[in-house]
Amino acid sequence: MKPTGGHAVYVNAKEFLPHLQQSQFPAQALAVALYRDYGIRTVEIGTVMFGKRDAATEETIYPALELVRLAIPRRVYTSRHLSFVAEALVDLYQRRHSIGGLVMTYEAPRLRHFTARFEEETPAEMLWPGAGFAAAPLS
């Protein structure tokens, strides 16, 4: 996302993970991958935080943005720390199709982003390399 702010860097998860639908929580999936693979803590600012359910239909109303926020407090990180984060993002981007979506297994009635629980989906690329889509195996 441009311009870059002075207190944080925001990554557009819709563009980073174009193979994931918003119903698969792309920003949360990217935040999980950054923490699981590199120990980098971030926050999701997208469907988990701002998605809502229509009262009449119970269908999800999706927010316009799916962002991952990387906070950069003053005088805490060295250039080496920031280089590590940048290299981690480049590495994840190069293997972005190996990042699957998430399924929300629990959500609280209010402020769900604090207590929501998820399970990871297996990306099609890992099930059928080169497929790029979910397909049933031939019997």
N, C-alpha and C. Protein backbone atom coordinates (compact mmCIF):
# COMPACT_ATOMS: atom_id res chain seq x y z
N MET A 1 0.85 -1.16 0.00
CA MET A 1 0.00 0.00 0.00
C MET A 1 0.90 1.23 0.00
N LYS A 2 0.54 2.21 -0.78
CA LYS A 2 1.34 3.42 -0.86
C LYS A 2 0.46 4.62 -0.56
N PRO A 3 0.95 5.64 0.07
CA PRO A 3 2.33 5.78 0.55
C PRO A 3 2.54 5.02 1.86
N THR A 4 3.77 4.66 2.13
CA THR A 4 4.14 3.98 3.37
C THR A 4 4.04 4.96 4.52
N GLY A 5 3.43 4.53 5.63
CA GLY A 5 3.29 5.39 6.79
C GLY A 5 4.57 5.47 7.59
N GLY A 6 4.60 6.37 8.55
CA GLY A 6 5.78 6.56 9.38
C GLY A 6 5.83 5.63 10.57
N HIS A 7 4.74 5.00 10.94
CA HIS A 7 4.71 4.15 12.12
C HIS A 7 4.52 2.68 11.80
N ALA A 8 4.23 2.37 10.55
CA ALA A 8 3.98 0.98 10.17
C ALA A 8 4.10 0.81 8.67
N VAL A 9 4.22 -0.43 8.26
CA VAL A 9 4.17 -0.80 6.85
C VAL A 9 2.96 -1.71 6.71
N TYR A 10 2.16 -1.46 5.68
CA TYR A 10 0.97 -2.26 5.42
C TYR A 10 1.19 -3.06 4.14
N VAL A 11 0.86 -4.33 4.19
CA VAL A 11 0.96 -5.21 3.03
C VAL A 11 -0.46 -5.52 2.56
N ASN A 12 -0.72 -5.33 1.28
CA ASN A 12 -2.03 -5.62 0.70
C ASN A 12 -2.12 -7.12 0.45
N ALA A 13 -2.81 -7.83 1.32
CA ALA A 13 -2.87 -9.30 1.23
C ALA A 13 -3.66 -9.77 0.01
N LYS A 14 -4.61 -8.97 -0.48
CA LYS A 14 -5.33 -9.36 -1.70
C LYS A 14 -4.38 -9.47 -2.89
N GLU A 15 -3.43 -8.55 -2.96
CA GLU A 15 -2.46 -8.58 -4.06
C GLU A 15 -1.36 -9.60 -3.79
N PHE A 16 -0.97 -9.77 -2.54
CA PHE A 16 0.09 -10.71 -2.16
C PHE A 16 -0.37 -12.15 -2.38
N LEU A 17 -1.63 -12.43 -2.07
CA LEU A 17 -2.18 -13.79 -2.18
C LEU A 17 -3.43 -13.78 -3.08
N PRO A 18 -3.25 -13.50 -4.37
CA PRO A 18 -4.42 -13.36 -5.24
C PRO A 18 -5.20 -14.65 -5.44
N HIS A 19 -4.60 -15.79 -5.10
CA HIS A 19 -5.29 -17.07 -5.26
C HIS A 19 -6.29 -17.34 -4.13
N LEU A 20 -6.30 -16.51 -3.10
CA LEU A 20 -7.24 -16.69 -1.99
C LEU A 20 -8.43 -15.74 -2.12
N GLN A 21 -9.60 -16.26 -1.87
CA GLN A 21 -10.81 -15.44 -1.82
C GLN A 21 -10.89 -14.76 -0.46
N GLN A 22 -11.65 -13.69 -0.35
CA GLN A 22 -11.79 -13.03 0.95
C GLN A 22 -12.38 -13.96 1.99
N SER A 23 -13.20 -14.91 1.57
CA SER A 23 -13.78 -15.87 2.50
C SER A 23 -12.72 -16.79 3.11
N GLN A 24 -11.51 -16.78 2.56
CA GLN A 24 -10.40 -17.59 3.07
C GLN A 24 -9.44 -16.76 3.93
N PHE A 25 -9.81 -15.54 4.24
CA PHE A 25 -9.07 -14.68 5.16
C PHE A 25 -7.60 -14.48 4.73
N PRO A 26 -7.36 -13.88 3.55
CA PRO A 26 -5.98 -13.75 3.08
C PRO A 26 -5.06 -12.96 4.00
N ALA A 27 -5.53 -11.90 4.62
CA ALA A 27 -4.66 -11.13 5.51
C ALA A 27 -4.28 -11.95 6.74
N GLN A 28 -5.24 -12.67 7.29
CA GLN A 28 -4.95 -13.52 8.45
C GLN A 28 -4.02 -14.66 8.05
N ALA A 29 -4.21 -15.23 6.85
CA ALA A 29 -3.34 -16.32 6.37
C ALA A 29 -1.91 -15.82 6.22
N LEU A 30 -1.73 -14.61 5.71
CA LEU A 30 -0.39 -14.04 5.57
C LEU A 30 0.22 -13.77 6.94
N ALA A 31 -0.57 -13.25 7.87
CA ALA A 31 -0.08 -13.01 9.23
C ALA A 31 0.36 -14.32 9.89
N VAL A 32 -0.41 -15.37 9.70
CA VAL A 32 -0.06 -16.69 10.25
C VAL A 32 1.25 -17.19 9.65
N ALA A 33 1.40 -17.07 8.33
CA ALA A 33 2.63 -17.54 7.66
C ALA A 33 3.86 -16.77 8.14
N LEU A 34 3.72 -15.46 8.30
CA LEU A 34 4.86 -14.66 8.78
C LEU A 34 5.27 -15.08 10.19
N TYR A 35 4.30 -15.35 11.04
CA TYR A 35 4.63 -15.75 12.41
C TYR A 35 5.16 -17.19 12.46
N ARG A 36 4.46 -18.10 11.79
CA ARG A 36 4.84 -19.51 11.82
C ARG A 36 6.23 -19.74 11.20
N ASP A 37 6.50 -19.12 10.08
CA ASP A 37 7.74 -19.39 9.34
C ASP A 37 8.91 -18.53 9.77
N TYR A 38 8.65 -17.32 10.31
CA TYR A 38 9.74 -16.39 10.59
C TYR A 38 9.70 -15.77 11.99
N GLY A 39 8.64 -16.03 12.75
CA GLY A 39 8.53 -15.44 14.07
C GLY A 39 8.21 -13.96 14.05
N ILE A 40 7.67 -13.47 12.94
CA ILE A 40 7.34 -12.05 12.79
C ILE A 40 5.88 -11.84 13.18
N ARG A 41 5.67 -11.03 14.20
CA ARG A 41 4.32 -10.74 14.67
C ARG A 41 3.75 -9.56 13.91
N THR A 42 2.53 -9.72 13.45
CA THR A 42 1.83 -8.69 12.69
C THR A 42 0.38 -8.65 13.18
N VAL A 43 -0.43 -7.84 12.54
CA VAL A 43 -1.85 -7.83 12.84
C VAL A 43 -2.63 -7.78 11.53
N GLU A 44 -3.71 -8.54 11.50
CA GLU A 44 -4.61 -8.55 10.35
C GLU A 44 -5.58 -7.39 10.47
N ILE A 45 -5.74 -6.67 9.37
CA ILE A 45 -6.74 -5.60 9.30
C ILE A 45 -7.54 -5.88 8.03
N GLY A 46 -8.55 -6.70 8.19
CA GLY A 46 -9.32 -7.13 7.03
C GLY A 46 -10.63 -7.77 7.48
N THR A 47 -10.94 -8.91 6.90
CA THR A 47 -12.21 -9.57 7.14
C THR A 47 -12.38 -10.04 8.58
N VAL A 48 -11.31 -10.49 9.22
CA VAL A 48 -11.45 -10.94 10.61
C VAL A 48 -11.81 -9.74 11.49
N MET A 49 -11.10 -8.64 11.30
CA MET A 49 -11.32 -7.47 12.15
C MET A 49 -12.59 -6.70 11.78
N PHE A 50 -12.84 -6.52 10.48
CA PHE A 50 -13.91 -5.64 10.05
C PHE A 50 -15.04 -6.30 9.27
N GLY A 51 -14.95 -7.61 9.03
CA GLY A 51 -16.05 -8.30 8.36
C GLY A 51 -17.26 -8.34 9.27
N LYS A 52 -18.44 -8.31 8.68
CA LYS A 52 -19.68 -8.32 9.45
C LYS A 52 -20.65 -9.31 8.82
N ARG A 53 -21.62 -9.72 9.59
CA ARG A 53 -22.68 -10.58 9.07
C ARG A 53 -23.95 -9.76 8.88
N ASP A 54 -24.59 -9.96 7.74
CA ASP A 54 -25.87 -9.32 7.48
C ASP A 54 -26.88 -9.92 8.45
N ALA A 55 -27.61 -9.08 9.17
CA ALA A 55 -28.55 -9.55 10.19
C ALA A 55 -29.67 -10.40 9.59
N ALA A 56 -30.10 -10.07 8.38
CA ALA A 56 -31.22 -10.79 7.77
C ALA A 56 -30.78 -12.09 7.10
N THR A 57 -29.65 -12.06 6.40
CA THR A 57 -29.25 -13.22 5.60
C THR A 57 -28.13 -14.05 6.23
N GLU A 58 -27.44 -13.48 7.24
CA GLU A 58 -26.29 -14.13 7.87
C GLU A 58 -25.08 -14.24 6.92
N GLU A 59 -25.16 -13.61 5.75
CA GLU A 59 -24.02 -13.62 4.83
C GLU A 59 -22.99 -12.60 5.27
N THR A 60 -21.72 -12.91 4.96
CA THR A 60 -20.63 -12.03 5.35
C THR A 60 -20.59 -10.80 4.46
N ILE A 61 -20.41 -9.66 5.09
CA ILE A 61 -20.18 -8.40 4.38
C ILE A 61 -18.69 -8.13 4.51
N TYR A 62 -17.99 -8.16 3.39
CA TYR A 62 -16.53 -8.05 3.39
C TYR A 62 -16.07 -6.59 3.34
N PRO A 63 -15.00 -6.27 4.06
CA PRO A 63 -14.43 -4.92 3.95
C PRO A 63 -13.68 -4.76 2.63
N ALA A 64 -13.43 -3.54 2.24
CA ALA A 64 -12.74 -3.27 0.97
C ALA A 64 -11.29 -3.73 1.01
N LEU A 65 -10.64 -3.63 2.17
CA LEU A 65 -9.21 -3.91 2.26
C LEU A 65 -8.91 -5.18 3.04
N GLU A 66 -7.84 -5.84 2.66
CA GLU A 66 -7.27 -6.98 3.39
C GLU A 66 -5.80 -6.63 3.60
N LEU A 67 -5.48 -6.09 4.78
CA LEU A 67 -4.12 -5.63 5.05
C LEU A 67 -3.47 -6.41 6.17
N VAL A 68 -2.14 -6.44 6.13
CA VAL A 68 -1.34 -6.94 7.24
C VAL A 68 -0.48 -5.76 7.69
N ARG A 69 -0.55 -5.44 8.97
CA ARG A 69 0.18 -4.29 9.51
C ARG A 69 1.44 -4.77 10.23
N LEU A 70 2.57 -4.22 9.81
CA LEU A 70 3.85 -4.47 10.47
C LEU A 70 4.24 -3.19 11.18
N ALA A 71 4.08 -3.17 12.51
CA ALA A 71 4.39 -1.97 13.29
C ALA A 71 5.90 -1.77 13.34
N ILE A 72 6.32 -0.51 13.28
CA ILE A 72 7.74 -0.18 13.34
C ILE A 72 7.92 0.93 14.38
N PRO A 73 8.02 0.53 15.65
CA PRO A 73 8.22 1.55 16.69
C PRO A 73 9.61 2.19 16.58
N ARG A 74 9.70 3.42 17.03
CA ARG A 74 10.97 4.15 16.96
C ARG A 74 11.99 3.54 17.90
N ARG A 75 13.24 3.53 17.47
CA ARG A 75 14.41 3.14 18.26
C ARG A 75 14.33 1.74 18.86
N VAL A 76 13.62 0.84 18.21
CA VAL A 76 13.52 -0.52 18.71
C VAL A 76 14.24 -1.49 17.77
N TYR A 77 14.06 -1.32 16.47
CA TYR A 77 14.62 -2.26 15.50
C TYR A 77 15.86 -1.67 14.82
N THR A 78 16.81 -2.54 14.54
CA THR A 78 17.99 -2.14 13.78
C THR A 78 17.73 -2.35 12.30
N SER A 79 18.65 -1.88 11.48
CA SER A 79 18.54 -2.11 10.04
C SER A 79 18.54 -3.61 9.75
N ARG A 80 19.26 -4.34 10.55
CA ARG A 80 19.32 -5.80 10.36
C ARG A 80 17.96 -6.45 10.61
N HIS A 81 17.26 -5.98 11.64
CA HIS A 81 15.91 -6.48 11.90
C HIS A 81 15.00 -6.22 10.70
N LEU A 82 15.03 -4.99 10.21
CA LEU A 82 14.16 -4.62 9.10
C LEU A 82 14.52 -5.37 7.83
N SER A 83 15.81 -5.62 7.62
CA SER A 83 16.23 -6.41 6.46
C SER A 83 15.70 -7.83 6.56
N PHE A 84 15.72 -8.40 7.77
CA PHE A 84 15.19 -9.75 7.98
C PHE A 84 13.70 -9.81 7.60
N VAL A 85 12.94 -8.81 8.03
CA VAL A 85 11.51 -8.77 7.71
C VAL A 85 11.31 -8.64 6.21
N ALA A 86 12.08 -7.77 5.57
CA ALA A 86 11.96 -7.59 4.11
C ALA A 86 12.30 -8.88 3.38
N GLU A 87 13.37 -9.55 3.80
CA GLU A 87 13.76 -10.81 3.17
C GLU A 87 12.70 -11.89 3.38
N ALA A 88 12.08 -11.91 4.56
CA ALA A 88 11.00 -12.86 4.84
C ALA A 88 9.82 -12.62 3.90
N LEU A 89 9.45 -11.35 3.71
CA LEU A 89 8.35 -11.03 2.80
C LEU A 89 8.66 -11.43 1.37
N VAL A 90 9.89 -11.19 0.94
CA VAL A 90 10.29 -11.59 -0.42
C VAL A 90 10.21 -13.11 -0.56
N ASP A 91 10.72 -13.84 0.44
CA ASP A 91 10.68 -15.30 0.39
C ASP A 91 9.24 -15.81 0.35
N LEU A 92 8.38 -15.26 1.20
CA LEU A 92 6.97 -15.68 1.19
C LEU A 92 6.30 -15.34 -0.13
N TYR A 93 6.62 -14.19 -0.69
CA TYR A 93 6.02 -13.81 -1.97
C TYR A 93 6.42 -14.79 -3.06
N GLN A 94 7.68 -15.23 -3.04
CA GLN A 94 8.15 -16.17 -4.06
C GLN A 94 7.45 -17.52 -3.95
N ARG A 95 6.97 -17.87 -2.76
CA ARG A 95 6.27 -19.14 -2.59
C ARG A 95 4.84 -18.93 -2.09
N ARG A 96 4.25 -17.80 -2.52
CA ARG A 96 2.93 -17.41 -2.05
C ARG A 96 1.84 -18.44 -2.35
N HIS A 97 1.99 -19.21 -3.41
CA HIS A 97 0.96 -20.20 -3.75
C HIS A 97 0.97 -21.39 -2.80
N SER A 98 1.99 -21.47 -1.95
CA SER A 98 2.01 -22.54 -0.94
C SER A 98 1.27 -22.12 0.33
N ILE A 99 0.79 -20.88 0.37
CA ILE A 99 0.04 -20.40 1.52
C ILE A 99 -1.45 -20.63 1.25
N GLY A 100 -2.03 -21.47 2.08
CA GLY A 100 -3.46 -21.76 1.93
C GLY A 100 -4.31 -20.80 2.72
N GLY A 101 -5.58 -20.86 2.46
CA GLY A 101 -6.52 -20.02 3.18
C GLY A 101 -6.82 -20.59 4.56
N LEU A 102 -7.68 -19.90 5.26
CA LEU A 102 -8.07 -20.31 6.60
C LEU A 102 -9.58 -20.49 6.65
N VAL A 103 -10.01 -21.36 7.56
CA VAL A 103 -11.43 -21.55 7.85
C VAL A 103 -11.63 -21.14 9.30
N MET A 104 -12.57 -20.23 9.54
CA MET A 104 -12.84 -19.80 10.91
C MET A 104 -13.68 -20.88 11.58
N THR A 105 -13.17 -21.43 12.67
CA THR A 105 -13.87 -22.49 13.39
C THR A 105 -14.62 -21.97 14.61
N TYR A 106 -14.29 -20.77 15.05
CA TYR A 106 -14.99 -20.15 16.18
C TYR A 106 -14.90 -18.64 16.05
N GLU A 107 -16.01 -17.99 16.35
CA GLU A 107 -16.00 -16.53 16.44
C GLU A 107 -16.94 -16.10 17.55
N ALA A 108 -16.51 -15.14 18.34
CA ALA A 108 -17.34 -14.59 19.40
C ALA A 108 -18.40 -13.68 18.77
N PRO A 109 -19.50 -13.47 19.46
CA PRO A 109 -20.55 -12.60 18.90
C PRO A 109 -20.10 -11.15 18.71
N ARG A 110 -19.14 -10.71 19.53
CA ARG A 110 -18.60 -9.35 19.40
C ARG A 110 -17.08 -9.41 19.46
N LEU A 111 -16.43 -8.48 18.80
CA LEU A 111 -14.97 -8.39 18.80
C LEU A 111 -14.30 -9.73 18.48
N ARG A 112 -14.76 -10.35 17.42
CA ARG A 112 -14.29 -11.70 17.08
C ARG A 112 -12.81 -11.77 16.81
N HIS A 113 -12.19 -10.68 16.38
CA HIS A 113 -10.77 -10.72 16.02
C HIS A 113 -9.87 -10.99 17.22
N PHE A 114 -10.38 -10.84 18.45
CA PHE A 114 -9.57 -11.12 19.62
C PHE A 114 -9.54 -12.60 19.98
N THR A 115 -10.60 -13.33 19.66
CA THR A 115 -10.70 -14.73 20.13
C THR A 115 -11.00 -15.73 19.03
N ALA A 116 -11.05 -15.29 17.78
CA ALA A 116 -11.39 -16.20 16.68
C ALA A 116 -10.37 -17.34 16.59
N ARG A 117 -10.84 -18.48 16.14
CA ARG A 117 -9.97 -19.65 15.94
C ARG A 117 -10.09 -20.07 14.48
N PHE A 118 -8.98 -20.60 13.97
CA PHE A 118 -8.90 -20.96 12.55
C PHE A 118 -8.25 -22.33 12.36
N GLU A 119 -8.54 -22.93 11.22
CA GLU A 119 -7.82 -24.09 10.73
C GLU A 119 -7.30 -23.73 9.35
N GLU A 120 -6.11 -24.25 9.02
CA GLU A 120 -5.53 -23.96 7.71
C GLU A 120 -6.07 -24.92 6.66
N GLU A 121 -6.33 -24.38 5.48
CA GLU A 121 -6.70 -25.19 4.32
C GLU A 121 -5.41 -25.57 3.60
N THR A 122 -5.41 -26.71 2.98
CA THR A 122 -4.25 -27.10 2.18
C THR A 122 -4.40 -26.48 0.80
N PRO A 123 -3.40 -25.69 0.36
CA PRO A 123 -3.52 -25.06 -0.96
C PRO A 123 -3.47 -26.10 -2.08
N ALA A 124 -4.21 -25.85 -3.15
CA ALA A 124 -4.26 -26.76 -4.29
C ALA A 124 -2.87 -27.03 -4.85
N GLU A 125 -2.00 -26.02 -4.83
CA GLU A 125 -0.64 -26.17 -5.35
C GLU A 125 0.12 -27.28 -4.62
N MET A 126 -0.19 -27.48 -3.34
CA MET A 126 0.49 -28.53 -2.58
C MET A 126 -0.13 -29.90 -2.85
N LEU A 127 -1.44 -29.92 -3.14
CA LEU A 127 -2.11 -31.19 -3.42
C LEU A 127 -1.80 -31.68 -4.82
N TRP A 128 -1.88 -30.78 -5.79
CA TRP A 128 -1.62 -31.10 -7.18
C TRP A 128 -0.72 -30.03 -7.76
N PRO A 129 0.62 -30.20 -7.66
CA PRO A 129 1.55 -29.16 -8.13
C PRO A 129 1.24 -28.73 -9.57
N GLY A 130 1.20 -27.43 -9.74
CA GLY A 130 0.94 -26.87 -11.06
C GLY A 130 -0.54 -26.69 -11.37
N ALA A 131 -1.40 -27.23 -10.50
CA ALA A 131 -2.83 -27.17 -10.77
C ALA A 131 -3.35 -25.74 -10.61
N GLY A 132 -3.04 -25.11 -9.50
CA GLY A 132 -3.51 -23.76 -9.26
C GLY A 132 -4.98 -23.68 -8.93
N PHE A 133 -5.64 -24.82 -8.81
CA PHE A 133 -7.05 -24.84 -8.44
C PHE A 133 -7.33 -26.14 -7.73
N ALA A 134 -8.43 -26.20 -7.03
CA ALA A 134 -8.79 -27.42 -6.32
C ALA A 134 -9.51 -28.35 -7.28
N ALA A 135 -9.02 -29.54 -7.39
CA ALA A 135 -9.63 -30.52 -8.28
C ALA A 135 -9.62 -31.88 -7.59
N ALA A 136 -10.62 -32.67 -7.89
CA ALA A 136 -10.68 -34.01 -7.30
C ALA A 136 -9.74 -34.94 -8.05
N PRO A 137 -9.03 -35.82 -7.34
CA PRO A 137 -8.14 -36.76 -8.02
C PRO A 137 -8.96 -37.74 -8.87
N LEU A 138 -8.36 -38.20 -9.94
CA LEU A 138 -9.02 -39.18 -10.80
C LEU A 138 -9.08 -40.52 -10.09
N SER A 139 -10.19 -41.22 -10.23
CA SER A 139 -10.31 -42.53 -9.58
C SER A 139 -10.01 -43.66 -10.54
